[in-house]
Amino acid sequence: MGRQTVLRALHGQVIVTAAELAPTKNRWLRAFAYGLLAEVATIITIIVIVMLYRFVLARGLSKTEYDAFGAQVGAIVGPVGGTIWVFVFARLLMRRLESRWVAHGIVVAIGAIVLSVAGSIAGHQGVPAGYVLASILKLIAGAAAGYLAARRVAPVA
């Protein structure tokens, strides 16, 4: 037996064995990371809105007025923007999946909720009641993104 014959046989064995050990297409850690990114995108959105207000739209106000505006923006854009960003990032993830779309969408939402609650505990020393509604909306958005992805690939009867 020559060297090439042995290498071909070995290569063939590696291919057969590697196919058996192929990773699943469930991307749980990636889904959680997408959730973290969705929450970071929400925070950036709030910061951009507040900065635009402060430096472009309403210059010359007092610090108290800017702080009040920032609180209002956080209370409105936080839940709404968080829901939208969870949906967007969950939809991005769905293109990489072959199954369990709704579950992955919920994991995206859980990633966003974890960062949101952790930030709230660090900043507010507690979790305001509004975070419960925001968390529910994020879960619905993640599940909806998964549902739409599952419907897209489901066979038409």
N, C-alpha and C. Protein backbone atom coordinates (compact mmCIF):
# COMPACT_ATOMS: atom_id res chain seq x y z
N MET A 1 0.83 -1.17 0.00
CA MET A 1 0.00 0.00 0.00
C MET A 1 0.88 1.24 0.00
N GLY A 2 0.55 2.11 -0.90
CA GLY A 2 1.31 3.34 -1.00
C GLY A 2 0.78 4.40 -0.05
N ARG A 3 1.53 5.46 0.05
CA ARG A 3 1.16 6.55 0.95
C ARG A 3 -0.17 7.18 0.55
N GLN A 4 -0.39 7.38 -0.75
CA GLN A 4 -1.64 7.99 -1.23
C GLN A 4 -2.85 7.13 -0.86
N THR A 5 -2.72 5.82 -0.96
CA THR A 5 -3.83 4.92 -0.64
C THR A 5 -4.20 5.05 0.84
N VAL A 6 -3.21 5.10 1.68
CA VAL A 6 -3.45 5.24 3.12
C VAL A 6 -4.10 6.60 3.41
N LEU A 7 -3.60 7.65 2.79
CA LEU A 7 -4.15 8.98 3.03
C LEU A 7 -5.60 9.06 2.55
N ARG A 8 -5.90 8.46 1.38
CA ARG A 8 -7.27 8.46 0.89
C ARG A 8 -8.19 7.70 1.85
N ALA A 9 -7.75 6.59 2.33
CA ALA A 9 -8.56 5.80 3.26
C ALA A 9 -8.79 6.57 4.56
N LEU A 10 -7.74 7.20 5.06
CA LEU A 10 -7.85 7.99 6.28
C LEU A 10 -8.77 9.18 6.07
N HIS A 11 -8.61 9.87 4.95
CA HIS A 11 -9.46 11.02 4.64
C HIS A 11 -10.93 10.60 4.54
N GLY A 12 -11.18 9.46 3.91
CA GLY A 12 -12.54 8.97 3.80
C GLY A 12 -13.13 8.66 5.16
N GLN A 13 -12.33 8.11 6.07
CA GLN A 13 -12.79 7.81 7.41
C GLN A 13 -13.10 9.09 8.18
N VAL A 14 -12.28 10.12 8.01
CA VAL A 14 -12.52 11.40 8.69
C VAL A 14 -13.83 12.01 8.20
N ILE A 15 -14.09 11.94 6.92
CA ILE A 15 -15.33 12.50 6.39
C ILE A 15 -16.54 11.76 6.94
N VAL A 16 -16.49 10.44 6.98
CA VAL A 16 -17.61 9.67 7.50
C VAL A 16 -17.82 9.97 8.98
N THR A 17 -16.75 10.02 9.74
CA THR A 17 -16.85 10.28 11.18
C THR A 17 -17.30 11.71 11.44
N ALA A 18 -16.78 12.66 10.70
CA ALA A 18 -17.13 14.06 10.91
C ALA A 18 -18.60 14.30 10.64
N ALA A 19 -19.17 13.62 9.67
CA ALA A 19 -20.58 13.81 9.37
C ALA A 19 -21.45 13.37 10.55
N GLU A 20 -21.02 12.33 11.27
CA GLU A 20 -21.77 11.85 12.42
C GLU A 20 -21.71 12.84 13.58
N LEU A 21 -20.64 13.58 13.69
CA LEU A 21 -20.44 14.50 14.80
C LEU A 21 -20.78 15.94 14.44
N ALA A 22 -21.47 16.14 13.34
CA ALA A 22 -21.79 17.51 12.91
C ALA A 22 -22.60 18.21 13.99
N PRO A 23 -22.28 19.47 14.26
CA PRO A 23 -23.04 20.19 15.29
C PRO A 23 -24.47 20.44 14.84
N THR A 24 -25.34 20.54 15.81
CA THR A 24 -26.74 20.83 15.48
C THR A 24 -26.85 22.27 15.03
N LYS A 25 -27.96 22.57 14.40
CA LYS A 25 -28.18 23.93 13.92
C LYS A 25 -28.93 24.77 14.95
N ASN A 26 -29.02 24.27 16.17
CA ASN A 26 -29.58 25.07 17.25
C ASN A 26 -28.48 26.00 17.73
N ARG A 27 -28.77 27.24 17.80
CA ARG A 27 -27.75 28.24 18.13
C ARG A 27 -28.17 28.98 19.40
N TRP A 28 -28.15 28.28 20.50
CA TRP A 28 -28.64 28.85 21.75
C TRP A 28 -27.77 29.99 22.26
N LEU A 29 -26.47 29.80 22.27
CA LEU A 29 -25.60 30.89 22.75
C LEU A 29 -25.66 32.10 21.83
N ARG A 30 -25.73 31.85 20.56
CA ARG A 30 -25.86 32.95 19.61
C ARG A 30 -27.18 33.68 19.83
N ALA A 31 -28.23 32.95 20.11
CA ALA A 31 -29.54 33.57 20.38
C ALA A 31 -29.45 34.46 21.61
N PHE A 32 -28.81 33.98 22.67
CA PHE A 32 -28.65 34.77 23.88
C PHE A 32 -27.82 36.03 23.59
N ALA A 33 -26.75 35.86 22.81
CA ALA A 33 -25.90 37.01 22.46
C ALA A 33 -26.68 38.03 21.61
N TYR A 34 -27.52 37.55 20.72
CA TYR A 34 -28.35 38.47 19.94
C TYR A 34 -29.29 39.26 20.85
N GLY A 35 -29.76 38.61 21.90
CA GLY A 35 -30.59 39.31 22.88
C GLY A 35 -29.82 40.41 23.58
N LEU A 36 -28.58 40.11 23.96
CA LEU A 36 -27.74 41.14 24.57
C LEU A 36 -27.53 42.30 23.60
N LEU A 37 -27.28 41.97 22.34
CA LEU A 37 -27.11 43.02 21.33
C LEU A 37 -28.38 43.85 21.14
N ALA A 38 -29.53 43.20 21.22
CA ALA A 38 -30.79 43.93 21.10
C ALA A 38 -30.93 44.94 22.23
N GLU A 39 -30.54 44.56 23.43
CA GLU A 39 -30.65 45.48 24.56
C GLU A 39 -29.62 46.61 24.44
N VAL A 40 -28.43 46.29 23.96
CA VAL A 40 -27.42 47.34 23.73
C VAL A 40 -27.93 48.31 22.66
N ALA A 41 -28.56 47.79 21.62
CA ALA A 41 -29.12 48.67 20.58
C ALA A 41 -30.21 49.57 21.15
N THR A 42 -30.99 49.05 22.09
CA THR A 42 -32.02 49.86 22.74
C THR A 42 -31.38 50.99 23.54
N ILE A 43 -30.35 50.67 24.28
CA ILE A 43 -29.64 51.68 25.08
C ILE A 43 -29.04 52.75 24.17
N ILE A 44 -28.43 52.32 23.08
CA ILE A 44 -27.84 53.28 22.13
C ILE A 44 -28.92 54.16 21.52
N THR A 45 -30.08 53.59 21.22
CA THR A 45 -31.18 54.37 20.66
C THR A 45 -31.62 55.46 21.64
N ILE A 46 -31.74 55.10 22.90
CA ILE A 46 -32.12 56.09 23.93
C ILE A 46 -31.07 57.18 24.02
N ILE A 47 -29.81 56.81 24.04
CA ILE A 47 -28.72 57.79 24.14
C ILE A 47 -28.74 58.73 22.94
N VAL A 48 -28.92 58.20 21.75
CA VAL A 48 -28.94 59.03 20.54
C VAL A 48 -30.10 60.03 20.59
N ILE A 49 -31.27 59.57 21.00
CA ILE A 49 -32.43 60.47 21.07
C ILE A 49 -32.18 61.59 22.09
N VAL A 50 -31.66 61.23 23.25
CA VAL A 50 -31.40 62.24 24.29
C VAL A 50 -30.34 63.23 23.81
N MET A 51 -29.29 62.75 23.17
CA MET A 51 -28.21 63.64 22.69
C MET A 51 -28.72 64.55 21.58
N LEU A 52 -29.52 64.02 20.68
CA LEU A 52 -30.10 64.87 19.64
C LEU A 52 -30.97 65.96 20.24
N TYR A 53 -31.75 65.60 21.23
CA TYR A 53 -32.59 66.59 21.89
C TYR A 53 -31.74 67.66 22.57
N ARG A 54 -30.71 67.20 23.26
CA ARG A 54 -29.89 68.14 24.03
C ARG A 54 -29.05 69.06 23.15
N PHE A 55 -28.44 68.52 22.11
CA PHE A 55 -27.48 69.30 21.34
C PHE A 55 -28.01 69.83 20.01
N VAL A 56 -29.18 69.38 19.58
CA VAL A 56 -29.70 69.84 18.30
C VAL A 56 -31.08 70.49 18.45
N LEU A 57 -32.00 69.81 19.09
CA LEU A 57 -33.38 70.27 19.11
C LEU A 57 -33.69 71.28 20.21
N ALA A 58 -33.14 71.11 21.39
CA ALA A 58 -33.50 71.98 22.52
C ALA A 58 -32.26 72.39 23.30
N ARG A 59 -31.45 73.18 22.68
CA ARG A 59 -30.22 73.63 23.36
C ARG A 59 -30.55 74.71 24.37
N GLY A 60 -29.75 74.77 25.42
CA GLY A 60 -29.88 75.85 26.40
C GLY A 60 -30.83 75.58 27.55
N LEU A 61 -31.34 74.37 27.69
CA LEU A 61 -32.22 74.06 28.82
C LEU A 61 -31.37 73.72 30.05
N SER A 62 -32.00 73.65 31.18
CA SER A 62 -31.29 73.32 32.42
C SER A 62 -31.05 71.82 32.51
N LYS A 63 -30.15 71.44 33.39
CA LYS A 63 -29.84 70.02 33.60
C LYS A 63 -31.07 69.27 34.08
N THR A 64 -31.87 69.89 34.90
CA THR A 64 -33.10 69.26 35.40
C THR A 64 -34.06 68.94 34.26
N GLU A 65 -34.18 69.86 33.32
CA GLU A 65 -35.08 69.64 32.17
C GLU A 65 -34.55 68.51 31.27
N TYR A 66 -33.24 68.47 31.08
CA TYR A 66 -32.65 67.38 30.28
C TYR A 66 -32.83 66.04 30.98
N ASP A 67 -32.64 66.04 32.30
CA ASP A 67 -32.82 64.79 33.06
C ASP A 67 -34.26 64.31 32.98
N ALA A 68 -35.21 65.24 33.07
CA ALA A 68 -36.62 64.86 32.96
C ALA A 68 -36.93 64.30 31.58
N PHE A 69 -36.37 64.92 30.54
CA PHE A 69 -36.58 64.41 29.19
C PHE A 69 -35.97 63.02 29.04
N GLY A 70 -34.76 62.85 29.58
CA GLY A 70 -34.11 61.54 29.51
C GLY A 70 -34.93 60.45 30.18
N ALA A 71 -35.53 60.78 31.32
CA ALA A 71 -36.37 59.81 32.01
C ALA A 71 -37.61 59.46 31.18
N GLN A 72 -38.20 60.48 30.54
CA GLN A 72 -39.37 60.23 29.68
C GLN A 72 -39.00 59.35 28.49
N VAL A 73 -37.89 59.67 27.87
CA VAL A 73 -37.44 58.88 26.71
C VAL A 73 -37.18 57.44 27.14
N GLY A 74 -36.50 57.26 28.26
CA GLY A 74 -36.23 55.91 28.75
C GLY A 74 -37.50 55.13 29.03
N ALA A 75 -38.51 55.83 29.58
CA ALA A 75 -39.77 55.16 29.91
C ALA A 75 -40.58 54.79 28.67
N ILE A 76 -40.42 55.55 27.59
CA ILE A 76 -41.20 55.28 26.38
C ILE A 76 -40.39 54.44 25.39
N VAL A 77 -39.20 54.90 25.07
CA VAL A 77 -38.39 54.22 24.05
C VAL A 77 -37.83 52.90 24.59
N GLY A 78 -37.60 52.82 25.89
CA GLY A 78 -37.08 51.57 26.46
C GLY A 78 -37.95 50.37 26.13
N PRO A 79 -39.21 50.36 26.55
CA PRO A 79 -40.05 49.21 26.25
C PRO A 79 -40.36 49.04 24.76
N VAL A 80 -40.67 50.14 24.09
CA VAL A 80 -41.03 50.05 22.67
C VAL A 80 -39.80 49.70 21.83
N GLY A 81 -38.72 50.43 22.04
CA GLY A 81 -37.49 50.16 21.28
C GLY A 81 -36.92 48.79 21.59
N GLY A 82 -37.00 48.39 22.87
CA GLY A 82 -36.52 47.06 23.24
C GLY A 82 -37.28 45.96 22.53
N THR A 83 -38.58 46.14 22.42
CA THR A 83 -39.42 45.17 21.73
C THR A 83 -39.06 45.10 20.24
N ILE A 84 -38.90 46.26 19.65
CA ILE A 84 -38.56 46.31 18.22
C ILE A 84 -37.19 45.68 17.97
N TRP A 85 -36.20 46.04 18.80
CA TRP A 85 -34.85 45.51 18.60
C TRP A 85 -34.79 44.00 18.84
N VAL A 86 -35.54 43.50 19.82
CA VAL A 86 -35.59 42.04 20.02
C VAL A 86 -36.15 41.36 18.78
N PHE A 87 -37.21 41.92 18.23
CA PHE A 87 -37.80 41.34 17.03
C PHE A 87 -36.80 41.36 15.87
N VAL A 88 -36.11 42.50 15.69
CA VAL A 88 -35.14 42.62 14.59
C VAL A 88 -34.01 41.62 14.74
N PHE A 89 -33.43 41.55 15.93
CA PHE A 89 -32.30 40.63 16.12
C PHE A 89 -32.75 39.17 16.08
N ALA A 90 -33.94 38.88 16.56
CA ALA A 90 -34.45 37.50 16.46
C ALA A 90 -34.67 37.12 15.00
N ARG A 91 -35.18 38.04 14.21
CA ARG A 91 -35.37 37.76 12.78
C ARG A 91 -34.02 37.53 12.09
N LEU A 92 -33.01 38.29 12.48
CA LEU A 92 -31.67 38.06 11.91
C LEU A 92 -31.17 36.66 12.25
N LEU A 93 -31.43 36.22 13.45
CA LEU A 93 -31.00 34.89 13.87
C LEU A 93 -31.73 33.79 13.11
N MET A 94 -32.98 34.00 12.80
CA MET A 94 -33.81 32.96 12.18
C MET A 94 -33.24 32.47 10.85
N ARG A 95 -32.52 33.32 10.16
CA ARG A 95 -31.94 32.90 8.86
C ARG A 95 -30.90 31.81 9.06
N ARG A 96 -30.34 31.70 10.25
CA ARG A 96 -29.28 30.72 10.51
C ARG A 96 -29.80 29.41 11.11
N LEU A 97 -31.08 29.31 11.31
CA LEU A 97 -31.66 28.16 12.00
C LEU A 97 -32.36 27.21 11.04
N GLU A 98 -32.46 25.97 11.50
CA GLU A 98 -33.20 24.96 10.75
C GLU A 98 -34.42 24.46 11.50
N SER A 99 -34.48 24.75 12.80
CA SER A 99 -35.62 24.30 13.60
C SER A 99 -35.67 25.10 14.90
N ARG A 100 -36.73 24.88 15.66
CA ARG A 100 -36.94 25.50 16.98
C ARG A 100 -36.86 27.02 16.93
N TRP A 101 -37.55 27.58 15.98
CA TRP A 101 -37.49 29.03 15.76
C TRP A 101 -38.10 29.81 16.93
N VAL A 102 -39.26 29.39 17.39
CA VAL A 102 -39.92 30.12 18.47
C VAL A 102 -39.07 30.06 19.74
N ALA A 103 -38.53 28.89 20.05
CA ALA A 103 -37.69 28.76 21.25
C ALA A 103 -36.46 29.66 21.16
N HIS A 104 -35.84 29.71 19.99
CA HIS A 104 -34.68 30.58 19.82
C HIS A 104 -35.08 32.05 19.94
N GLY A 105 -36.24 32.42 19.41
CA GLY A 105 -36.71 33.79 19.55
C GLY A 105 -36.92 34.16 21.00
N ILE A 106 -37.45 33.22 21.78
CA ILE A 106 -37.64 33.47 23.21
C ILE A 106 -36.30 33.61 23.92
N VAL A 107 -35.30 32.84 23.50
CA VAL A 107 -33.97 32.97 24.10
C VAL A 107 -33.36 34.33 23.77
N VAL A 108 -33.60 34.84 22.57
CA VAL A 108 -33.15 36.21 22.24
C VAL A 108 -33.78 37.19 23.23
N ALA A 109 -35.08 37.05 23.47
CA ALA A 109 -35.77 37.93 24.42
C ALA A 109 -35.20 37.78 25.82
N ILE A 110 -34.90 36.56 26.23
CA ILE A 110 -34.35 36.33 27.56
C ILE A 110 -32.99 37.01 27.71
N GLY A 111 -32.17 36.95 26.66
CA GLY A 111 -30.88 37.66 26.70
C GLY A 111 -31.06 39.15 26.92
N ALA A 112 -32.03 39.74 26.20
CA ALA A 112 -32.29 41.17 26.37
C ALA A 112 -32.83 41.46 27.76
N ILE A 113 -33.70 40.61 28.26
CA ILE A 113 -34.28 40.81 29.59
C ILE A 113 -33.22 40.73 30.68
N VAL A 114 -32.31 39.77 30.55
CA VAL A 114 -31.25 39.62 31.55
C VAL A 114 -30.42 40.89 31.64
N LEU A 115 -30.00 41.44 30.51
CA LEU A 115 -29.20 42.66 30.53
C LEU A 115 -30.02 43.84 31.05
N SER A 116 -31.26 43.92 30.67
CA SER A 116 -32.14 45.00 31.11
C SER A 116 -32.32 44.98 32.62
N VAL A 117 -32.62 43.81 33.17
CA VAL A 117 -32.85 43.69 34.61
C VAL A 117 -31.54 43.91 35.37
N ALA A 118 -30.45 43.39 34.86
CA ALA A 118 -29.15 43.60 35.52
C ALA A 118 -28.80 45.09 35.55
N GLY A 119 -29.03 45.77 34.45
CA GLY A 119 -28.77 47.21 34.40
C GLY A 119 -29.69 47.97 35.33
N SER A 120 -30.93 47.53 35.44
CA SER A 120 -31.88 48.19 36.33
C SER A 120 -31.48 48.01 37.79
N ILE A 121 -31.08 46.82 38.15
CA ILE A 121 -30.66 46.56 39.52
C ILE A 121 -29.42 47.38 39.85
N ALA A 122 -28.50 47.47 38.90
CA ALA A 122 -27.28 48.26 39.12
C ALA A 122 -27.59 49.75 39.20
N GLY A 123 -28.51 50.24 38.37
CA GLY A 123 -28.79 51.67 38.31
C GLY A 123 -29.85 52.15 39.28
N HIS A 124 -30.91 51.35 39.45
CA HIS A 124 -32.05 51.77 40.28
C HIS A 124 -32.09 51.06 41.63
N GLN A 125 -31.18 50.11 41.85
CA GLN A 125 -31.19 49.26 43.04
C GLN A 125 -32.52 48.51 43.17
N GLY A 126 -33.12 48.20 42.05
CA GLY A 126 -34.37 47.46 42.02
C GLY A 126 -34.88 47.40 40.59
N VAL A 127 -36.03 46.77 40.44
CA VAL A 127 -36.62 46.64 39.11
C VAL A 127 -37.98 47.34 39.13
N PRO A 128 -38.10 48.47 38.41
CA PRO A 128 -39.39 49.17 38.35
C PRO A 128 -40.47 48.30 37.70
N ALA A 129 -41.72 48.60 38.01
CA ALA A 129 -42.85 47.82 37.49
C ALA A 129 -42.91 47.85 35.96
N GLY A 130 -42.47 48.95 35.35
CA GLY A 130 -42.49 49.05 33.90
C GLY A 130 -41.63 48.01 33.21
N TYR A 131 -40.64 47.49 33.91
CA TYR A 131 -39.76 46.47 33.33
C TYR A 131 -40.51 45.16 33.11
N VAL A 132 -41.53 44.90 33.91
CA VAL A 132 -42.31 43.68 33.74
C VAL A 132 -43.03 43.72 32.40
N LEU A 133 -43.68 44.84 32.11
CA LEU A 133 -44.36 44.99 30.83
C LEU A 133 -43.36 44.92 29.67
N ALA A 134 -42.23 45.60 29.82
CA ALA A 134 -41.21 45.58 28.77
C ALA A 134 -40.71 44.16 28.54
N SER A 135 -40.54 43.39 29.60
CA SER A 135 -40.07 42.00 29.47
C SER A 135 -41.11 41.14 28.76
N ILE A 136 -42.36 41.33 29.09
CA ILE A 136 -43.43 40.57 28.42
C ILE A 136 -43.47 40.91 26.93
N LEU A 137 -43.34 42.20 26.61
CA LEU A 137 -43.33 42.61 25.20
C LEU A 137 -42.14 42.01 24.45
N LYS A 138 -40.99 41.94 25.10
CA LYS A 138 -39.80 41.34 24.47
C LYS A 138 -40.03 39.86 24.21
N LEU A 139 -40.61 39.16 25.18
CA LEU A 139 -40.91 37.73 24.98
C LEU A 139 -41.86 37.53 23.81
N ILE A 140 -42.87 38.38 23.72
CA ILE A 140 -43.83 38.29 22.62
C ILE A 140 -43.13 38.56 21.28
N ALA A 141 -42.25 39.56 21.26
CA ALA A 141 -41.54 39.90 20.02
C ALA A 141 -40.63 38.75 19.58
N GLY A 142 -39.90 38.16 20.52
CA GLY A 142 -39.03 37.03 20.18
C GLY A 142 -39.81 35.84 19.67
N ALA A 143 -40.92 35.53 20.36
CA ALA A 143 -41.75 34.40 19.93
C ALA A 143 -42.40 34.69 18.57
N ALA A 144 -42.81 35.93 18.35
CA ALA A 144 -43.41 36.29 17.06
C ALA A 144 -42.41 36.15 15.92
N ALA A 145 -41.18 36.56 16.15
CA ALA A 145 -40.15 36.41 15.12
C ALA A 145 -39.94 34.93 14.80
N GLY A 146 -39.92 34.10 15.83
CA GLY A 146 -39.78 32.66 15.62
C GLY A 146 -40.98 32.06 14.91
N TYR A 147 -42.16 32.51 15.29
CA TYR A 147 -43.38 32.02 14.65
C TYR A 147 -43.40 32.37 13.17
N LEU A 148 -43.03 33.58 12.83
CA LEU A 148 -42.99 33.98 11.42
C LEU A 148 -41.96 33.16 10.64
N ALA A 149 -40.83 32.87 11.26
CA ALA A 149 -39.81 32.06 10.59
C ALA A 149 -40.31 30.63 10.40
N ALA A 150 -40.99 30.08 11.39
CA ALA A 150 -41.52 28.72 11.28
C ALA A 150 -42.60 28.65 10.21
N ARG A 151 -43.41 29.67 10.13
CA ARG A 151 -44.46 29.71 9.10
C ARG A 151 -43.89 29.81 7.70
N ARG A 152 -42.77 30.49 7.60
CA ARG A 152 -42.12 30.68 6.29
C ARG A 152 -41.64 29.36 5.72
N VAL A 153 -41.15 28.45 6.58
CA VAL A 153 -40.61 27.19 6.07
C VAL A 153 -41.57 26.03 6.19
N ALA A 154 -42.72 26.25 6.81
CA ALA A 154 -43.70 25.17 6.96
C ALA A 154 -44.27 24.80 5.60
N PRO A 155 -44.48 23.51 5.37
CA PRO A 155 -45.08 23.09 4.09
C PRO A 155 -46.51 23.56 4.00
N VAL A 156 -46.91 23.99 2.81
CA VAL A 156 -48.27 24.45 2.58
C VAL A 156 -49.15 23.25 2.33
N ALA A 157 -50.23 23.14 3.09
CA ALA A 157 -51.12 21.96 2.95
C ALA A 157 -52.25 22.25 2.00
